[in-house]
PDB file of N, CA and C in Angstrom:
ATOM      1  N   MET A   1       6.078 -10.708  16.916  1.00  0.00           N
ATOM      2  CA  MET A   1       4.746 -10.244  16.585  1.00  0.00           C
ATOM      3  C   MET A   1       4.808  -9.400  15.312  1.00  0.00           C
ATOM      4  N   ALA A   2       3.924  -9.678  14.393  1.00  0.00           N
ATOM      5  CA  ALA A   2       3.876  -8.917  13.149  1.00  0.00           C
ATOM      6  C   ALA A   2       3.169  -7.584  13.384  1.00  0.00           C
ATOM      7  N   HIS A   3       3.560  -6.589  12.614  1.00  0.00           N
ATOM      8  CA  HIS A   3       2.965  -5.256  12.684  1.00  0.00           C
ATOM      9  C   HIS A   3       2.138  -5.031  11.424  1.00  0.00           C
ATOM     10  N   LEU A   4       1.059  -4.273  11.560  1.00  0.00           N
ATOM     11  CA  LEU A   4       0.116  -4.056  10.469  1.00  0.00           C
ATOM     12  C   LEU A   4       0.039  -2.574  10.129  1.00  0.00           C
ATOM     13  N   ALA A   5      -0.083  -2.284   8.831  1.00  0.00           N
ATOM     14  CA  ALA A   5      -0.264  -0.901   8.377  1.00  0.00           C
ATOM     15  C   ALA A   5      -1.188  -0.892   7.166  1.00  0.00           C
ATOM     16  N   TYR A   6      -1.892   0.213   7.026  1.00  0.00           N
ATOM     17  CA  TYR A   6      -2.681   0.470   5.824  1.00  0.00           C
ATOM     18  C   TYR A   6      -1.914   1.508   5.025  1.00  0.00           C
ATOM     19  N   MET A   7      -1.656   1.205   3.753  1.00  0.00           N
ATOM     20  CA  MET A   7      -0.962   2.154   2.891  1.00  0.00           C
ATOM     21  C   MET A   7      -1.961   2.665   1.865  1.00  0.00           C
ATOM     22  N   LEU A   8      -2.184   3.967   1.913  1.00  0.00           N
ATOM     23  CA  LEU A   8      -3.161   4.628   1.056  1.00  0.00           C
ATOM     24  C   LEU A   8      -2.439   5.143  -0.177  1.00  0.00           C
ATOM     25  N   ILE A   9      -2.917   4.753  -1.345  1.00  0.00           N
ATOM     26  CA  ILE A   9      -2.200   5.004  -2.592  1.00  0.00           C
ATOM     27  C   ILE A   9      -3.030   5.895  -3.507  1.00  0.00           C
ATOM     28  N   ALA A  10      -2.440   7.019  -3.904  1.00  0.00           N
ATOM     29  CA  ALA A  10      -3.071   7.928  -4.866  1.00  0.00           C
ATOM     30  C   ALA A  10      -2.434   7.699  -6.234  1.00  0.00           C
ATOM     31  N   LEU A  11      -3.254   7.823  -7.273  1.00  0.00           N
ATOM     32  CA  LEU A  11      -2.789   7.561  -8.637  1.00  0.00           C
ATOM     33  C   LEU A  11      -2.999   8.765  -9.531  1.00  0.00           C
ATOM     34  N   ASP A  12      -2.250   8.760 -10.651  1.00  0.00           N
ATOM     35  CA  ASP A  12      -2.545   9.725 -11.705  1.00  0.00           C
ATOM     36  C   ASP A  12      -3.772   9.164 -12.423  1.00  0.00           C
ATOM     37  N   HIS A  13      -3.728   8.963 -13.670  1.00  0.00           N
ATOM     38  CA  HIS A  13      -4.887   8.438 -14.395  1.00  0.00           C
ATOM     39  C   HIS A  13      -4.753   6.955 -14.688  1.00  0.00           C
ATOM     40  N   SER A  14      -3.927   6.258 -13.928  1.00  0.00           N
ATOM     41  CA  SER A  14      -3.749   4.816 -14.105  1.00  0.00           C
ATOM     42  C   SER A  14      -4.991   4.069 -13.627  1.00  0.00           C
ATOM     43  N   THR A  15      -5.103   2.836 -14.053  1.00  0.00           N
ATOM     44  CA  THR A  15      -6.234   2.004 -13.667  1.00  0.00           C
ATOM     45  C   THR A  15      -6.016   1.448 -12.267  1.00  0.00           C
ATOM     46  N   PRO A  16      -6.880   1.796 -11.311  1.00  0.00           N
ATOM     47  CA  PRO A  16      -6.693   1.330  -9.938  1.00  0.00           C
ATOM     48  C   PRO A  16      -6.640  -0.195  -9.799  1.00  0.00           C
ATOM     49  N   ALA A  17      -7.444  -0.908 -10.570  1.00  0.00           N
ATOM     50  CA  ALA A  17      -7.452  -2.372 -10.466  1.00  0.00           C
ATOM     51  C   ALA A  17      -6.093  -2.952 -10.846  1.00  0.00           C
ATOM     52  N   ALA A  18      -5.463  -2.406 -11.876  1.00  0.00           N
ATOM     53  CA  ALA A  18      -4.142  -2.890 -12.289  1.00  0.00           C
ATOM     54  C   ALA A  18      -3.097  -2.587 -11.224  1.00  0.00           C
ATOM     55  N   VAL A  19      -3.183  -1.411 -10.614  1.00  0.00           N
ATOM     56  CA  VAL A  19      -2.236  -1.042  -9.559  1.00  0.00           C
ATOM     57  C   VAL A  19      -2.441  -1.943  -8.344  1.00  0.00           C
ATOM     58  N   ALA A  20      -3.685  -2.229  -7.991  1.00  0.00           N
ATOM     59  CA  ALA A  20      -3.963  -3.123  -6.857  1.00  0.00           C
ATOM     60  C   ALA A  20      -3.397  -4.511  -7.116  1.00  0.00           C
ATOM     61  N   ARG A  21      -3.557  -5.012  -8.342  1.00  0.00           N
ATOM     62  CA  ARG A  21      -3.003  -6.332  -8.677  1.00  0.00           C
ATOM     63  C   ARG A  21      -1.489  -6.333  -8.540  1.00  0.00           C
ATOM     64  N   GLU A  22      -0.848  -5.281  -9.025  1.00  0.00           N
ATOM     65  CA  GLU A  22       0.608  -5.201  -8.942  1.00  0.00           C
ATOM     66  C   GLU A  22       1.066  -5.052  -7.492  1.00  0.00           C
ATOM     67  N   ALA A  23       0.325  -4.300  -6.707  1.00  0.00           N
ATOM     68  CA  ALA A  23       0.677  -4.116  -5.292  1.00  0.00           C
ATOM     69  C   ALA A  23       0.655  -5.448  -4.553  1.00  0.00           C
ATOM     70  N   LYS A  24      -0.298  -6.313  -4.891  1.00  0.00           N
ATOM     71  CA  LYS A  24      -0.410  -7.612  -4.226  1.00  0.00           C
ATOM     72  C   LYS A  24       0.804  -8.501  -4.475  1.00  0.00           C
ATOM     73  N   GLN A  25       1.574  -8.199  -5.505  1.00  0.00           N
ATOM     74  CA  GLN A  25       2.761  -8.992  -5.817  1.00  0.00           C
ATOM     75  C   GLN A  25       3.953  -8.620  -4.937  1.00  0.00           C
ATOM     76  N   ILE A  26       3.862  -7.518  -4.217  1.00  0.00           N
ATOM     77  CA  ILE A  26       4.966  -7.053  -3.372  1.00  0.00           C
ATOM     78  C   ILE A  26       4.977  -7.856  -2.076  1.00  0.00           C
ATOM     79  N   THR A  27       6.165  -8.303  -1.704  1.00  0.00           N
ATOM     80  CA  THR A  27       6.325  -9.019  -0.446  1.00  0.00           C
ATOM     81  C   THR A  27       5.811  -8.142   0.685  1.00  0.00           C
ATOM     82  N   TRP A  28       5.129  -8.716   1.625  1.00  0.00           N
ATOM     83  CA  TRP A  28       4.549  -8.074   2.809  1.00  0.00           C
ATOM     84  C   TRP A  28       3.160  -7.494   2.559  1.00  0.00           C
ATOM     85  N   VAL A  29       2.750  -7.269   1.299  1.00  0.00           N
ATOM     86  CA  VAL A  29       1.388  -6.782   1.030  1.00  0.00           C
ATOM     87  C   VAL A  29       0.465  -7.997   1.068  1.00  0.00           C
ATOM     88  N   ILE A  30      -0.477  -7.995   2.017  1.00  0.00           N
ATOM     89  CA  ILE A  30      -1.359  -9.155   2.158  1.00  0.00           C
ATOM     90  C   ILE A  30      -2.719  -8.944   1.490  1.00  0.00           C
ATOM     91  N   GLU A  31      -3.097  -7.685   1.263  1.00  0.00           N
ATOM     92  CA  GLU A  31      -4.336  -7.351   0.555  1.00  0.00           C
ATOM     93  C   GLU A  31      -4.152  -6.013  -0.143  1.00  0.00           C
ATOM     94  N   ALA A  32      -4.910  -5.795  -1.209  1.00  0.00           N
ATOM     95  CA  ALA A  32      -4.954  -4.485  -1.868  1.00  0.00           C
ATOM     96  C   ALA A  32      -6.347  -4.326  -2.463  1.00  0.00           C
ATOM     97  N   HIS A  33      -6.963  -3.174  -2.199  1.00  0.00           N
ATOM     98  CA  HIS A  33      -8.342  -2.941  -2.614  1.00  0.00           C
ATOM     99  C   HIS A  33      -8.476  -1.593  -3.313  1.00  0.00           C
ATOM    100  N   VAL A  34      -9.293  -1.557  -4.357  1.00  0.00           N
ATOM    101  CA  VAL A  34      -9.627  -0.310  -5.041  1.00  0.00           C
ATOM    102  C   VAL A  34     -10.642   0.423  -4.167  1.00  0.00           C
ATOM    103  N   THR A  35     -10.433   1.739  -3.997  1.00  0.00           N
ATOM    104  CA  THR A  35     -11.317   2.540  -3.153  1.00  0.00           C
ATOM    105  C   THR A  35     -11.758   3.797  -3.898  1.00  0.00           C
ATOM    106  N   MET A  36     -12.716   4.493  -3.314  1.00  0.00           N
ATOM    107  CA  MET A  36     -13.160   5.781  -3.839  1.00  0.00           C
ATOM    108  C   MET A  36     -12.832   6.837  -2.797  1.00  0.00           C
ATOM    109  N   GLY A  37     -12.494   8.030  -3.244  1.00  0.00           N
ATOM    110  CA  GLY A  37     -12.167   9.109  -2.316  1.00  0.00           C
ATOM    111  C   GLY A  37     -10.821   9.715  -2.654  1.00  0.00           C
ATOM    112  N   ASP A  38     -10.135  10.229  -1.645  1.00  0.00           N
ATOM    113  CA  ASP A  38      -8.845  10.885  -1.865  1.00  0.00           C
ATOM    114  C   ASP A  38      -7.766   9.917  -2.326  1.00  0.00           C
ATOM    115  N   PHE A  39      -7.925   8.636  -2.001  1.00  0.00           N
ATOM    116  CA  PHE A  39      -6.956   7.621  -2.410  1.00  0.00           C
ATOM    117  C   PHE A  39      -7.666   6.588  -3.267  1.00  0.00           C
ATOM    118  N   ASP A  40      -6.916   5.990  -4.187  1.00  0.00           N
ATOM    119  CA  ASP A  40      -7.502   5.076  -5.165  1.00  0.00           C
ATOM    120  C   ASP A  40      -7.351   3.605  -4.805  1.00  0.00           C
ATOM    121  N   VAL A  41      -6.324   3.289  -4.030  1.00  0.00           N
ATOM    122  CA  VAL A  41      -6.049   1.911  -3.628  1.00  0.00           C
ATOM    123  C   VAL A  41      -5.607   1.929  -2.171  1.00  0.00           C
ATOM    124  N   VAL A  42      -6.039   0.921  -1.417  1.00  0.00           N
ATOM    125  CA  VAL A  42      -5.549   0.728  -0.050  1.00  0.00           C
ATOM    126  C   VAL A  42      -4.877  -0.636  -0.002  1.00  0.00           C
ATOM    127  N   ALA A  43      -3.620  -0.651   0.442  1.00  0.00           N
ATOM    128  CA  ALA A  43      -2.880  -1.901   0.605  1.00  0.00           C
ATOM    129  C   ALA A  43      -2.745  -2.195   2.092  1.00  0.00           C
ATOM    130  N   VAL A  44      -2.978  -3.444   2.457  1.00  0.00           N
ATOM    131  CA  VAL A  44      -2.793  -3.890   3.835  1.00  0.00           C
ATOM    132  C   VAL A  44      -1.437  -4.583   3.887  1.00  0.00           C
ATOM    133  N   VAL A  45      -0.580  -4.094   4.775  1.00  0.00           N
ATOM    134  CA  VAL A  45       0.801  -4.580   4.849  1.00  0.00           C
ATOM    135  C   VAL A  45       1.050  -5.162   6.230  1.00  0.00           C
ATOM    136  N   GLU A  46       1.635  -6.350   6.253  1.00  0.00           N
ATOM    137  CA  GLU A  46       2.022  -6.979   7.510  1.00  0.00           C
ATOM    138  C   GLU A  46       3.523  -7.224   7.447  1.00  0.00           C
ATOM    139  N   HIS A  47       4.254  -6.700   8.429  1.00  0.00           N
ATOM    140  CA  HIS A  47       5.718  -6.801   8.416  1.00  0.00           C
ATOM    141  C   HIS A  47       6.213  -7.193   9.793  1.00  0.00           C
ATOM    142  N   GLU A  48       7.402  -7.763   9.835  1.00  0.00           N
ATOM    143  CA  GLU A  48       7.997  -8.200  11.107  1.00  0.00           C
ATOM    144  C   GLU A  48       8.264  -7.033  12.050  1.00  0.00           C
ATOM    145  N   THR A  49       8.546  -5.868  11.471  1.00  0.00           N
ATOM    146  CA  THR A  49       8.889  -4.692  12.265  1.00  0.00           C
ATOM    147  C   THR A  49       8.361  -3.439  11.577  1.00  0.00           C
ATOM    148  N   THR A  50       8.047  -2.410  12.339  1.00  0.00           N
ATOM    149  CA  THR A  50       7.577  -1.168  11.724  1.00  0.00           C
ATOM    150  C   THR A  50       8.665  -0.516  10.886  1.00  0.00           C
ATOM    151  N   LYS A  51       9.916  -0.852  11.134  1.00  0.00           N
ATOM    152  CA  LYS A  51      11.019  -0.292  10.343  1.00  0.00           C
ATOM    153  C   LYS A  51      10.990  -0.776   8.898  1.00  0.00           C
ATOM    154  N   GLY A  52      10.227  -1.814   8.612  1.00  0.00           N
ATOM    155  CA  GLY A  52      10.119  -2.322   7.252  1.00  0.00           C
ATOM    156  C   GLY A  52       9.098  -1.594   6.401  1.00  0.00           C
ATOM    157  N   PHE A  53       8.219  -0.810   7.027  1.00  0.00           N
ATOM    158  CA  PHE A  53       7.165  -0.144   6.263  1.00  0.00           C
ATOM    159  C   PHE A  53       7.686   0.852   5.225  1.00  0.00           C
ATOM    160  N   PRO A  54       8.714   1.658   5.523  1.00  0.00           N
ATOM    161  CA  PRO A  54       9.197   2.595   4.493  1.00  0.00           C
ATOM    162  C   PRO A  54       9.677   1.908   3.210  1.00  0.00           C
ATOM    163  N   SER A  55      10.285   0.737   3.322  1.00  0.00           N
ATOM    164  CA  SER A  55      10.751   0.058   2.108  1.00  0.00           C
ATOM    165  C   SER A  55       9.574  -0.467   1.291  1.00  0.00           C
ATOM    166  N   VAL A  56       8.514  -0.900   1.964  1.00  0.00           N
ATOM    167  CA  VAL A  56       7.315  -1.336   1.235  1.00  0.00           C
ATOM    168  C   VAL A  56       6.673  -0.137   0.539  1.00  0.00           C
ATOM    169  N   ALA A  57       6.586   0.991   1.234  1.00  0.00           N
ATOM    170  CA  ALA A  57       6.024   2.206   0.627  1.00  0.00           C
ATOM    171  C   ALA A  57       6.847   2.629  -0.590  1.00  0.00           C
ATOM    172  N   ALA A  58       8.161   2.500  -0.500  1.00  0.00           N
ATOM    173  CA  ALA A  58       9.031   2.848  -1.632  1.00  0.00           C
ATOM    174  C   ALA A  58       8.751   1.937  -2.826  1.00  0.00           C
ATOM    175  N   GLU A  59       8.539   0.655  -2.568  1.00  0.00           N
ATOM    176  CA  GLU A  59       8.208  -0.269  -3.659  1.00  0.00           C
ATOM    177  C   GLU A  59       6.867   0.101  -4.288  1.00  0.00           C
ATOM    178  N   LEU A  60       5.901   0.461  -3.466  1.00  0.00           N
ATOM    179  CA  LEU A  60       4.599   0.872  -4.002  1.00  0.00           C
ATOM    180  C   LEU A  60       4.733   2.121  -4.864  1.00  0.00           C
ATOM    181  N   ARG A  61       5.573   3.063  -4.445  1.00  0.00           N
ATOM    182  CA  ARG A  61       5.763   4.298  -5.225  1.00  0.00           C
ATOM    183  C   ARG A  61       6.408   4.022  -6.585  1.00  0.00           C
ATOM    184  N   ARG A  62       7.100   2.903  -6.720  1.00  0.00           N
ATOM    185  CA  ARG A  62       7.729   2.559  -8.005  1.00  0.00           C
ATOM    186  C   ARG A  62       6.726   2.008  -9.023  1.00  0.00           C
ATOM    187  N   ILE A  63       5.521   1.677  -8.587  1.00  0.00           N
ATOM    188  CA  ILE A  63       4.511   1.189  -9.531  1.00  0.00           C
ATOM    189  C   ILE A  63       4.092   2.355 -10.425  1.00  0.00           C
ATOM    190  N   GLU A  64       4.038   2.095 -11.719  1.00  0.00           N
ATOM    191  CA  GLU A  64       3.673   3.144 -12.674  1.00  0.00           C
ATOM    192  C   GLU A  64       2.302   3.718 -12.341  1.00  0.00           C
ATOM    193  N   GLY A  65       2.223   5.045 -12.275  1.00  0.00           N
ATOM    194  CA  GLY A  65       0.972   5.730 -12.012  1.00  0.00           C
ATOM    195  C   GLY A  65       0.780   6.156 -10.568  1.00  0.00           C
ATOM    196  N   VAL A  66       1.573   5.602  -9.650  1.00  0.00           N
ATOM    197  CA  VAL A  66       1.437   5.971  -8.238  1.00  0.00           C
ATOM    198  C   VAL A  66       2.062   7.345  -8.029  1.00  0.00           C
ATOM    199  N   THR A  67       1.292   8.254  -7.430  1.00  0.00           N
ATOM    200  CA  THR A  67       1.787   9.610  -7.184  1.00  0.00           C
ATOM    201  C   THR A  67       2.054   9.879  -5.711  1.00  0.00           C
ATOM    202  N   ARG A  68       1.419   9.088  -4.835  1.00  0.00           N
ATOM    203  CA  ARG A  68       1.580   9.337  -3.396  1.00  0.00           C
ATOM    204  C   ARG A  68       1.215   8.090  -2.610  1.00  0.00           C
ATOM    205  N   VAL A  69       1.961   7.836  -1.528  1.00  0.00           N
ATOM    206  CA  VAL A  69       1.642   6.741  -0.610  1.00  0.00           C
ATOM    207  C   VAL A  69       1.666   7.300   0.807  1.00  0.00           C
ATOM    208  N   ALA A  70       0.570   7.137   1.529  1.00  0.00           N
ATOM    209  CA  ALA A  70       0.497   7.530   2.942  1.00  0.00           C
ATOM    210  C   ALA A  70       0.390   6.255   3.770  1.00  0.00           C
ATOM    211  N   THR A  71       1.133   6.190   4.859  1.00  0.00           N
ATOM    212  CA  THR A  71       1.157   4.996   5.702  1.00  0.00           C
ATOM    213  C   THR A  71       0.453   5.261   7.026  1.00  0.00           C
ATOM    214  N   CYS A  72      -0.472   4.382   7.364  1.00  0.00           N
ATOM    215  CA  CYS A  72      -1.182   4.442   8.648  1.00  0.00           C
ATOM    216  C   CYS A  72      -0.873   3.154   9.400  1.00  0.00           C
ATOM    217  N   VAL A  73      -0.050   3.251  10.438  1.00  0.00           N
ATOM    218  CA  VAL A  73       0.344   2.081  11.216  1.00  0.00           C
ATOM    219  C   VAL A  73      -0.740   1.784  12.250  1.00  0.00           C
ATOM    220  N   VAL A  74      -1.147   0.533  12.323  1.00  0.00           N
ATOM    221  CA  VAL A  74      -2.147   0.112  13.304  1.00  0.00           C
ATOM    222  C   VAL A  74      -1.462   0.007  14.666  1.00  0.00           C
ATOM    223  N   VAL A  75      -2.002   0.706  15.668  1.00  0.00           N
ATOM    224  CA  VAL A  75      -1.390   0.668  17.000  1.00  0.00           C
ATOM    225  C   VAL A  75      -2.121  -0.275  17.948  1.00  0.00           C
ATOM    226  N   HIS A  76      -3.407  -0.510  17.700  1.00  0.00           N
ATOM    227  CA  HIS A  76      -4.175  -1.461  18.505  1.00  0.00           C
ATOM    228  C   HIS A  76      -5.003  -2.321  17.566  1.00  0.00           C
ATOM    229  N   PRO A  77      -4.594  -3.571  17.363  1.00  0.00           N
ATOM    230  CA  PRO A  77      -5.328  -4.440  16.431  1.00  0.00           C
ATOM    231  C   PRO A  77      -6.742  -4.746  16.882  1.00  0.00           C
TER     232      PRO A  77
END
């Protein structure tokens, strides 16, 4: 069974649309959307195991302009 998480991404002054496009290129990221509020982009991640989420978050943090990634694991789909 695949596990789902929402990864909330905060940026410096980078363009959220460009970051969302780059996030979609990461394996396991199935969607990425520009948002308004405390976070600028939300990525939807589906992984074989919850143990894989930290490595996806680390990849997201490597995108230029990303300052913070918060992970919210879905417990009841």
